[in-house]
PDB file of N, CA and C in Angstrom:
ATOM      1  N   MET A   1     -19.317 -13.537  12.331  1.00  0.00           N
ATOM      2  CA  MET A   1     -19.067 -12.115  12.483  1.00  0.00           C
ATOM      3  C   MET A   1     -17.859 -11.737  11.443  1.00  0.00           C
ATOM      4  N   ASN A   2     -18.086 -10.729  10.779  1.00  0.00           N
ATOM      5  CA  ASN A   2     -17.078 -10.245   9.849  1.00  0.00           C
ATOM      6  C   ASN A   2     -16.052  -9.380  10.578  1.00  0.00           C
ATOM      7  N   LYS A   3     -14.776  -9.670  10.319  1.00  0.00           N
ATOM      8  CA  LYS A   3     -13.752  -8.869  10.895  1.00  0.00           C
ATOM      9  C   LYS A   3     -13.340  -7.746  10.015  1.00  0.00           C
ATOM     10  N   ASN A   4     -13.270  -6.546  10.554  1.00  0.00           N
ATOM     11  CA  ASN A   4     -12.801  -5.422   9.736  1.00  0.00           C
ATOM     12  C   ASN A   4     -11.238  -5.450  10.050  1.00  0.00           C
ATOM     13  N   LYS A   5     -10.506  -5.292   8.842  1.00  0.00           N
ATOM     14  CA  LYS A   5      -9.034  -5.298   9.021  1.00  0.00           C
ATOM     15  C   LYS A   5      -8.321  -4.603   7.856  1.00  0.00           C
ATOM     16  N   ILE A   6      -7.071  -4.321   8.067  1.00  0.00           N
ATOM     17  CA  ILE A   6      -6.227  -3.736   7.046  1.00  0.00           C
ATOM     18  C   ILE A   6      -4.959  -4.600   6.952  1.00  0.00           C
ATOM     19  N   ASN A   7      -4.584  -5.102   5.746  1.00  0.00           N
ATOM     20  CA  ASN A   7      -3.459  -5.807   5.427  1.00  0.00           C
ATOM     21  C   ASN A   7      -2.525  -4.976   4.470  1.00  0.00           C
ATOM     22  N   ILE A   8      -1.341  -4.792   4.894  1.00  0.00           N
ATOM     23  CA  ILE A   8      -0.412  -4.051   3.940  1.00  0.00           C
ATOM     24  C   ILE A   8       0.831  -4.955   3.776  1.00  0.00           C
ATOM     25  N   GLU A   9       1.198  -5.117   2.475  1.00  0.00           N
ATOM     26  CA  GLU A   9       2.352  -5.799   2.102  1.00  0.00           C
ATOM     27  C   GLU A   9       3.316  -4.821   1.278  1.00  0.00           C
ATOM     28  N   ILE A  10       4.471  -4.626   1.876  1.00  0.00           N
ATOM     29  CA  ILE A  10       5.423  -3.670   1.280  1.00  0.00           C
ATOM     30  C   ILE A  10       6.654  -4.378   0.770  1.00  0.00           C
ATOM     31  N   THR A  11       7.078  -4.237  -0.483  1.00  0.00           N
ATOM     32  CA  THR A  11       8.340  -4.694  -1.028  1.00  0.00           C
ATOM     33  C   THR A  11       9.155  -3.546  -1.518  1.00  0.00           C
ATOM     34  N   ALA A  12      10.265  -3.769  -2.023  1.00  0.00           N
ATOM     35  CA  ALA A  12      11.137  -2.844  -2.642  1.00  0.00           C
ATOM     36  C   ALA A  12      10.496  -2.282  -3.928  1.00  0.00           C
ATOM     37  N   ASP A  13       9.583  -3.136  -4.479  1.00  0.00           N
ATOM     38  CA  ASP A  13       8.989  -2.806  -5.786  1.00  0.00           C
ATOM     39  C   ASP A  13       7.708  -1.988  -5.660  1.00  0.00           C
ATOM     40  N   GLY A  14       7.162  -1.918  -4.484  1.00  0.00           N
ATOM     41  CA  GLY A  14       5.874  -1.292  -4.263  1.00  0.00           C
ATOM     42  C   GLY A  14       5.039  -1.870  -3.109  1.00  0.00           C
ATOM     43  N   TRP A  15       3.755  -1.588  -3.122  1.00  0.00           N
ATOM     44  CA  TRP A  15       3.049  -2.089  -1.957  1.00  0.00           C
ATOM     45  C   TRP A  15       1.501  -2.303  -2.364  1.00  0.00           C
ATOM     46  N   LYS A  16       0.899  -3.185  -1.637  1.00  0.00           N
ATOM     47  CA  LYS A  16      -0.482  -3.516  -1.796  1.00  0.00           C
ATOM     48  C   LYS A  16      -1.206  -3.399  -0.490  1.00  0.00           C
ATOM     49  N   THR A  17      -2.329  -2.727  -0.436  1.00  0.00           N
ATOM     50  CA  THR A  17      -3.111  -2.560   0.840  1.00  0.00           C
ATOM     51  C   THR A  17      -4.485  -3.166   0.491  1.00  0.00           C
ATOM     52  N   ASP A  18      -4.893  -4.008   1.443  1.00  0.00           N
ATOM     53  CA  ASP A  18      -6.228  -4.567   1.442  1.00  0.00           C
ATOM     54  C   ASP A  18      -7.027  -4.091   2.637  1.00  0.00           C
ATOM     55  N   VAL A  19      -8.199  -3.491   2.476  1.00  0.00           N
ATOM     56  CA  VAL A  19      -9.025  -3.120   3.524  1.00  0.00           C
ATOM     57  C   VAL A  19     -10.323  -3.827   3.499  1.00  0.00           C
ATOM     58  N   THR A  20     -10.653  -4.540   4.552  1.00  0.00           N
ATOM     59  CA  THR A  20     -11.909  -5.260   4.762  1.00  0.00           C
ATOM     60  C   THR A  20     -12.832  -4.550   5.717  1.00  0.00           C
ATOM     61  N   ILE A  21     -13.985  -4.144   5.138  1.00  0.00           N
ATOM     62  CA  ILE A  21     -14.956  -3.475   5.991  1.00  0.00           C
ATOM     63  C   ILE A  21     -16.224  -4.284   5.773  1.00  0.00           C
ATOM     64  N   ASN A  22     -16.868  -4.681   6.985  1.00  0.00           N
ATOM     65  CA  ASN A  22     -18.052  -5.426   6.976  1.00  0.00           C
ATOM     66  C   ASN A  22     -18.122  -6.519   5.988  1.00  0.00           C
ATOM     67  N   GLY A  23     -17.028  -7.232   5.870  1.00  0.00           N
ATOM     68  CA  GLY A  23     -16.854  -8.455   5.064  1.00  0.00           C
ATOM     69  C   GLY A  23     -16.479  -8.236   3.574  1.00  0.00           C
ATOM     70  N   LYS A  24     -16.425  -6.997   3.171  1.00  0.00           N
ATOM     71  CA  LYS A  24     -16.059  -6.696   1.821  1.00  0.00           C
ATOM     72  C   LYS A  24     -14.622  -6.195   1.732  1.00  0.00           C
ATOM     73  N   THR A  25     -13.800  -6.645   0.825  1.00  0.00           N
ATOM     74  CA  THR A  25     -12.356  -6.304   0.764  1.00  0.00           C
ATOM     75  C   THR A  25     -12.173  -5.314  -0.447  1.00  0.00           C
ATOM     76  N   TYR A  26     -11.443  -4.276  -0.171  1.00  0.00           N
ATOM     77  CA  TYR A  26     -11.053  -3.259  -1.177  1.00  0.00           C
ATOM     78  C   TYR A  26      -9.585  -3.345  -1.229  1.00  0.00           C
ATOM     79  N   SER A  27      -9.004  -3.156  -2.472  1.00  0.00           N
ATOM     80  CA  SER A  27      -7.574  -3.219  -2.608  1.00  0.00           C
ATOM     81  C   SER A  27      -7.036  -2.109  -3.371  1.00  0.00           C
ATOM     82  N   GLU A  28      -5.836  -1.622  -3.102  1.00  0.00           N
ATOM     83  CA  GLU A  28      -5.119  -0.603  -3.813  1.00  0.00           C
ATOM     84  C   GLU A  28      -3.616  -1.203  -3.958  1.00  0.00           C
ATOM     85  N   ARG A  29      -3.105  -1.000  -5.118  1.00  0.00           N
ATOM     86  CA  ARG A  29      -1.726  -1.486  -5.336  1.00  0.00           C
ATOM     87  C   ARG A  29      -0.859  -0.362  -6.035  1.00  0.00           C
ATOM     88  N   TYR A  30       0.323  -0.159  -5.535  1.00  0.00           N
ATOM     89  CA  TYR A  30       1.215   0.804  -6.095  1.00  0.00           C
ATOM     90  C   TYR A  30       2.536   0.230  -6.533  1.00  0.00           C
ATOM     91  N   ILE A  31       3.100   0.730  -7.620  1.00  0.00           N
ATOM     92  CA  ILE A  31       4.394   0.247  -8.170  1.00  0.00           C
ATOM     93  C   ILE A  31       5.300   1.425  -8.049  1.00  0.00           C
ATOM     94  N   ALA A  32       6.563   1.106  -7.495  1.00  0.00           N
ATOM     95  CA  ALA A  32       7.495   2.229  -7.336  1.00  0.00           C
ATOM     96  C   ALA A  32       8.027   2.730  -8.672  1.00  0.00           C
ATOM     97  N   GLU A  33       8.120   3.978  -8.817  1.00  0.00           N
ATOM     98  CA  GLU A  33       8.784   4.627  -9.880  1.00  0.00           C
ATOM     99  C   GLU A  33       9.875   5.561  -9.509  1.00  0.00           C
ATOM    100  N   LYS A  34      10.691   6.076 -10.426  1.00  0.00           N
ATOM    101  CA  LYS A  34      11.760   6.885 -10.036  1.00  0.00           C
ATOM    102  C   LYS A  34      11.126   8.192  -9.386  1.00  0.00           C
ATOM    103  N   GLY A  35      11.354   8.471  -8.162  1.00  0.00           N
ATOM    104  CA  GLY A  35      10.883   9.578  -7.395  1.00  0.00           C
ATOM    105  C   GLY A  35       9.509   9.580  -6.943  1.00  0.00           C
ATOM    106  N   GLY A  36       8.866   8.450  -7.075  1.00  0.00           N
ATOM    107  CA  GLY A  36       7.448   8.365  -6.640  1.00  0.00           C
ATOM    108  C   GLY A  36       6.934   6.877  -6.768  1.00  0.00           C
ATOM    109  N   ALA A  37       5.546   6.823  -6.847  1.00  0.00           N
ATOM    110  CA  ALA A  37       4.960   5.563  -7.078  1.00  0.00           C
ATOM    111  C   ALA A  37       3.633   5.788  -7.914  1.00  0.00           C
ATOM    112  N   GLU A  38       3.205   4.784  -8.642  1.00  0.00           N
ATOM    113  CA  GLU A  38       2.021   4.918  -9.408  1.00  0.00           C
ATOM    114  C   GLU A  38       0.970   3.834  -8.865  1.00  0.00           C
ATOM    115  N   CYS A  39      -0.232   4.376  -8.752  1.00  0.00           N
ATOM    116  CA  CYS A  39      -1.384   3.468  -8.342  1.00  0.00           C
ATOM    117  C   CYS A  39      -1.757   2.649  -9.647  1.00  0.00           C
ATOM    118  N   VAL A  40      -1.692   1.332  -9.439  1.00  0.00           N
ATOM    119  CA  VAL A  40      -2.004   0.509 -10.717  1.00  0.00           C
ATOM    120  C   VAL A  40      -3.297  -0.357 -10.477  1.00  0.00           C
ATOM    121  N   GLU A  41      -3.818  -0.279  -9.310  1.00  0.00           N
ATOM    122  CA  GLU A  41      -5.035  -1.059  -8.997  1.00  0.00           C
ATOM    123  C   GLU A  41      -5.716  -0.310  -7.842  1.00  0.00           C
ATOM    124  N   GLY A  42      -7.086  -0.173  -8.111  1.00  0.00           N
ATOM    125  CA  GLY A  42      -8.006   0.352  -7.039  1.00  0.00           C
ATOM    126  C   GLY A  42      -7.803   1.818  -6.728  1.00  0.00           C
ATOM    127  N   ASN A  43      -8.737   2.349  -5.898  1.00  0.00           N
ATOM    128  CA  ASN A  43      -8.733   3.692  -5.516  1.00  0.00           C
ATOM    129  C   ASN A  43      -9.578   3.924  -4.285  1.00  0.00           C
ATOM    130  N   PHE A  44      -8.954   3.849  -3.198  1.00  0.00           N
ATOM    131  CA  PHE A  44      -9.775   3.988  -1.886  1.00  0.00           C
ATOM    132  C   PHE A  44     -10.616   5.237  -1.791  1.00  0.00           C
ATOM    133  N   GLU A  45     -10.154   6.268  -2.454  1.00  0.00           N
ATOM    134  CA  GLU A  45     -10.920   7.513  -2.322  1.00  0.00           C
ATOM    135  C   GLU A  45     -12.248   7.400  -3.015  1.00  0.00           C
ATOM    136  N   GLU A  46     -12.430   6.563  -3.966  1.00  0.00           N
ATOM    137  CA  GLU A  46     -13.687   6.341  -4.660  1.00  0.00           C
ATOM    138  C   GLU A  46     -14.546   5.368  -3.875  1.00  0.00           C
ATOM    139  N   GLU A  47     -14.109   4.600  -2.943  1.00  0.00           N
ATOM    140  CA  GLU A  47     -14.908   3.669  -2.191  1.00  0.00           C
ATOM    141  C   GLU A  47     -15.635   4.335  -0.958  1.00  0.00           C
ATOM    142  N   ASP A  48     -16.916   4.577  -1.101  1.00  0.00           N
ATOM    143  CA  ASP A  48     -17.710   5.232  -0.106  1.00  0.00           C
ATOM    144  C   ASP A  48     -17.820   4.400   1.103  1.00  0.00           C
ATOM    145  N   GLU A  49     -17.709   3.026   0.992  1.00  0.00           N
ATOM    146  CA  GLU A  49     -17.832   2.155   2.150  1.00  0.00           C
ATOM    147  C   GLU A  49     -16.591   2.226   3.144  1.00  0.00           C
ATOM    148  N   ILE A  50     -15.472   2.728   2.680  1.00  0.00           N
ATOM    149  CA  ILE A  50     -14.320   2.938   3.554  1.00  0.00           C
ATOM    150  C   ILE A  50     -14.492   4.262   4.290  1.00  0.00           C
ATOM    151  N   PRO A  51     -14.561   4.211   5.581  1.00  0.00           N
ATOM    152  CA  PRO A  51     -14.757   5.398   6.481  1.00  0.00           C
ATOM    153  C   PRO A  51     -13.650   6.329   6.193  1.00  0.00           C
ATOM    154  N   GLU A  52     -14.011   7.576   6.261  1.00  0.00           N
ATOM    155  CA  GLU A  52     -13.038   8.779   5.956  1.00  0.00           C
ATOM    156  C   GLU A  52     -11.910   8.640   6.981  1.00  0.00           C
ATOM    157  N   SER A  53     -12.218   8.297   8.208  1.00  0.00           N
ATOM    158  CA  SER A  53     -11.102   8.261   9.270  1.00  0.00           C
ATOM    159  C   SER A  53     -10.058   7.199   8.860  1.00  0.00           C
ATOM    160  N   ILE A  54     -10.439   6.066   8.276  1.00  0.00           N
ATOM    161  CA  ILE A  54      -9.480   5.027   7.831  1.00  0.00           C
ATOM    162  C   ILE A  54      -8.825   5.442   6.557  1.00  0.00           C
ATOM    163  N   TYR A  55      -9.571   6.002   5.633  1.00  0.00           N
ATOM    164  CA  TYR A  55      -8.914   6.503   4.386  1.00  0.00           C
ATOM    165  C   TYR A  55      -7.858   7.565   4.699  1.00  0.00           C
ATOM    166  N   ASP A  56      -8.110   8.463   5.699  1.00  0.00           N
ATOM    167  CA  ASP A  56      -7.108   9.526   5.975  1.00  0.00           C
ATOM    168  C   ASP A  56      -5.782   8.858   6.506  1.00  0.00           C
ATOM    169  N   LYS A  57      -5.951   7.792   7.379  1.00  0.00           N
ATOM    170  CA  LYS A  57      -4.735   7.173   7.913  1.00  0.00           C
ATOM    171  C   LYS A  57      -3.968   6.410   6.801  1.00  0.00           C
ATOM    172  N   LEU A  58      -4.664   5.796   5.872  1.00  0.00           N
ATOM    173  CA  LEU A  58      -4.054   5.094   4.794  1.00  0.00           C
ATOM    174  C   LEU A  58      -3.445   6.089   3.680  1.00  0.00           C
ATOM    175  N   ASN A  59      -3.944   7.297   3.669  1.00  0.00           N
ATOM    176  CA  ASN A  59      -3.502   8.212   2.608  1.00  0.00           C
ATOM    177  C   ASN A  59      -2.342   9.096   3.097  1.00  0.00           C
ATOM    178  N   ASP A  60      -1.301   8.490   3.546  1.00  0.00           N
ATOM    179  CA  ASP A  60      -0.125   9.226   3.950  1.00  0.00           C
ATOM    180  C   ASP A  60       1.118   8.609   3.306  1.00  0.00           C
ATOM    181  N   PHE A  61       2.308   8.927   3.760  1.00  0.00           N
ATOM    182  CA  PHE A  61       3.495   8.489   3.132  1.00  0.00           C
ATOM    183  C   PHE A  61       4.137   7.193   3.797  1.00  0.00           C
ATOM    184  N   PHE A  62       3.459   6.602   4.706  1.00  0.00           N
ATOM    185  CA  PHE A  62       4.012   5.418   5.436  1.00  0.00           C
ATOM    186  C   PHE A  62       4.487   4.349   4.471  1.00  0.00           C
ATOM    187  N   CYS A  63       3.578   3.881   3.573  1.00  0.00           N
ATOM    188  CA  CYS A  63       3.987   2.779   2.741  1.00  0.00           C
ATOM    189  C   CYS A  63       5.079   3.219   1.799  1.00  0.00           C
ATOM    190  N   PHE A  64       4.970   4.396   1.230  1.00  0.00           N
ATOM    191  CA  PHE A  64       6.006   4.872   0.357  1.00  0.00           C
ATOM    192  C   PHE A  64       7.397   5.004   0.954  1.00  0.00           C
ATOM    193  N   ASP A  65       7.378   5.477   2.236  1.00  0.00           N
ATOM    194  CA  ASP A  65       8.673   5.582   3.015  1.00  0.00           C
ATOM    195  C   ASP A  65       9.246   4.251   3.298  1.00  0.00           C
ATOM    196  N   CYS A  66       8.456   3.281   3.636  1.00  0.00           N
ATOM    197  CA  CYS A  66       8.910   1.926   3.895  1.00  0.00           C
ATOM    198  C   CYS A  66       9.427   1.291   2.652  1.00  0.00           C
ATOM    199  N   GLN A  67       8.653   1.450   1.498  1.00  0.00           N
ATOM    200  CA  GLN A  67       9.135   0.924   0.231  1.00  0.00           C
ATOM    201  C   GLN A  67      10.515   1.541  -0.146  1.00  0.00           C
ATOM    202  N   GLN A  68      10.658   2.826   0.025  1.00  0.00           N
ATOM    203  CA  GLN A  68      11.894   3.515  -0.303  1.00  0.00           C
ATOM    204  C   GLN A  68      13.075   3.048   0.559  1.00  0.00           C
ATOM    205  N   ALA A  69      12.832   2.765   1.918  1.00  0.00           N
ATOM    206  CA  ALA A  69      13.864   2.238   2.777  1.00  0.00           C
ATOM    207  C   ALA A  69      14.227   0.724   2.323  1.00  0.00           C
ATOM    208  N   LEU A  70      13.242  -0.073   1.939  1.00  0.00           N
ATOM    209  CA  LEU A  70      13.548  -1.350   1.510  1.00  0.00           C
ATOM    210  C   LEU A  70      14.394  -1.257   0.185  1.00  0.00           C
ATOM    211  N   ALA A  71      14.048  -0.512  -0.736  1.00  0.00           N
ATOM    212  CA  ALA A  71      14.774  -0.344  -1.948  1.00  0.00           C
ATOM    213  C   ALA A  71      16.149   0.105  -1.736  1.00  0.00           C
ATOM    214  N   GLN A  72      16.335   1.148  -0.820  1.00  0.00           N
ATOM    215  CA  GLN A  72      17.665   1.577  -0.476  1.00  0.00           C
ATOM    216  C   GLN A  72      18.592   0.464   0.180  1.00  0.00           C
ATOM    217  N   PHE A  73      17.956  -0.291   1.097  1.00  0.00           N
ATOM    218  CA  PHE A  73      18.595  -1.356   1.730  1.00  0.00           C
ATOM    219  C   PHE A  73      19.094  -2.415   0.663  1.00  0.00           C
ATOM    220  N   GLU A  74      18.250  -2.767  -0.376  1.00  0.00           N
ATOM    221  CA  GLU A  74      18.568  -3.660  -1.304  1.00  0.00           C
ATOM    222  C   GLU A  74      19.717  -3.199  -2.234  1.00  0.00           C
ATOM    223  N   ILE A  75      19.770  -1.846  -2.504  1.00  0.00           N
ATOM    224  CA  ILE A  75      20.835  -1.305  -3.295  1.00  0.00           C
ATOM    225  C   ILE A  75      22.133  -1.353  -2.464  1.00  0.00           C
ATOM    226  N   GLU A  76      22.052  -1.026  -1.229  1.00  0.00           N
ATOM    227  CA  GLU A  76      23.301  -1.053  -0.415  1.00  0.00           C
ATOM    228  C   GLU A  76      23.812  -2.451  -0.210  1.00  0.00           C
ATOM    229  N   GLU A  77      22.956  -3.418  -0.156  1.00  0.00           N
ATOM    230  CA  GLU A  77      23.306  -4.785   0.061  1.00  0.00           C
ATOM    231  C   GLU A  77      23.644  -5.551  -1.203  1.00  0.00           C
ATOM    232  N   GLY A  78      23.391  -4.887  -2.389  1.00  0.00           N
ATOM    233  CA  GLY A  78      23.599  -5.512  -3.601  1.00  0.00           C
ATOM    234  C   GLY A  78      22.632  -6.648  -3.967  1.00  0.00           C
ATOM    235  N   ILE A  79      21.407  -6.569  -3.380  1.00  0.00           N
ATOM    236  CA  ILE A  79      20.433  -7.592  -3.619  1.00  0.00           C
ATOM    237  C   ILE A  79      19.781  -7.326  -4.949  1.00  0.00           C
ATOM    238  N   GLU A  80      19.743  -8.417  -5.745  1.00  0.00           N
ATOM    239  CA  GLU A  80      19.131  -8.220  -7.096  1.00  0.00           C
ATOM    240  C   GLU A  80      17.684  -8.686  -7.033  1.00  0.00           C
ATOM    241  N   GLU A  81      16.894  -8.215  -7.912  1.00  0.00           N
ATOM    242  CA  GLU A  81      15.478  -8.564  -8.076  1.00  0.00           C
ATOM    243  C   GLU A  81      15.405 -10.100  -8.558  1.00  0.00           C
ATOM    244  N   GLU A  82      14.371 -10.746  -7.985  1.00  0.00           N
ATOM    245  CA  GLU A  82      14.128 -12.106  -8.367  1.00  0.00           C
ATOM    246  C   GLU A  82      13.406 -12.246  -9.704  1.00  0.00           C
TER     247      GLU A  82
END
């Protein structure tokens, strides 16, 4: 049986989201930019197999807000990029 799932990895540099629906995985990756983020891989909006209810939940500012919080933390702590 295929498991439907959503995996999100967020760093100070950006985030990647993998959505598995009926055994097929779709990915979207964003890189942080000054004042925003740029999608550099994938586009969930173009994937008809991703239900609209799931797309709507993924298409908010949660990942961006978490990325911004991590970036701010690293600035405050003086953590340098590896």
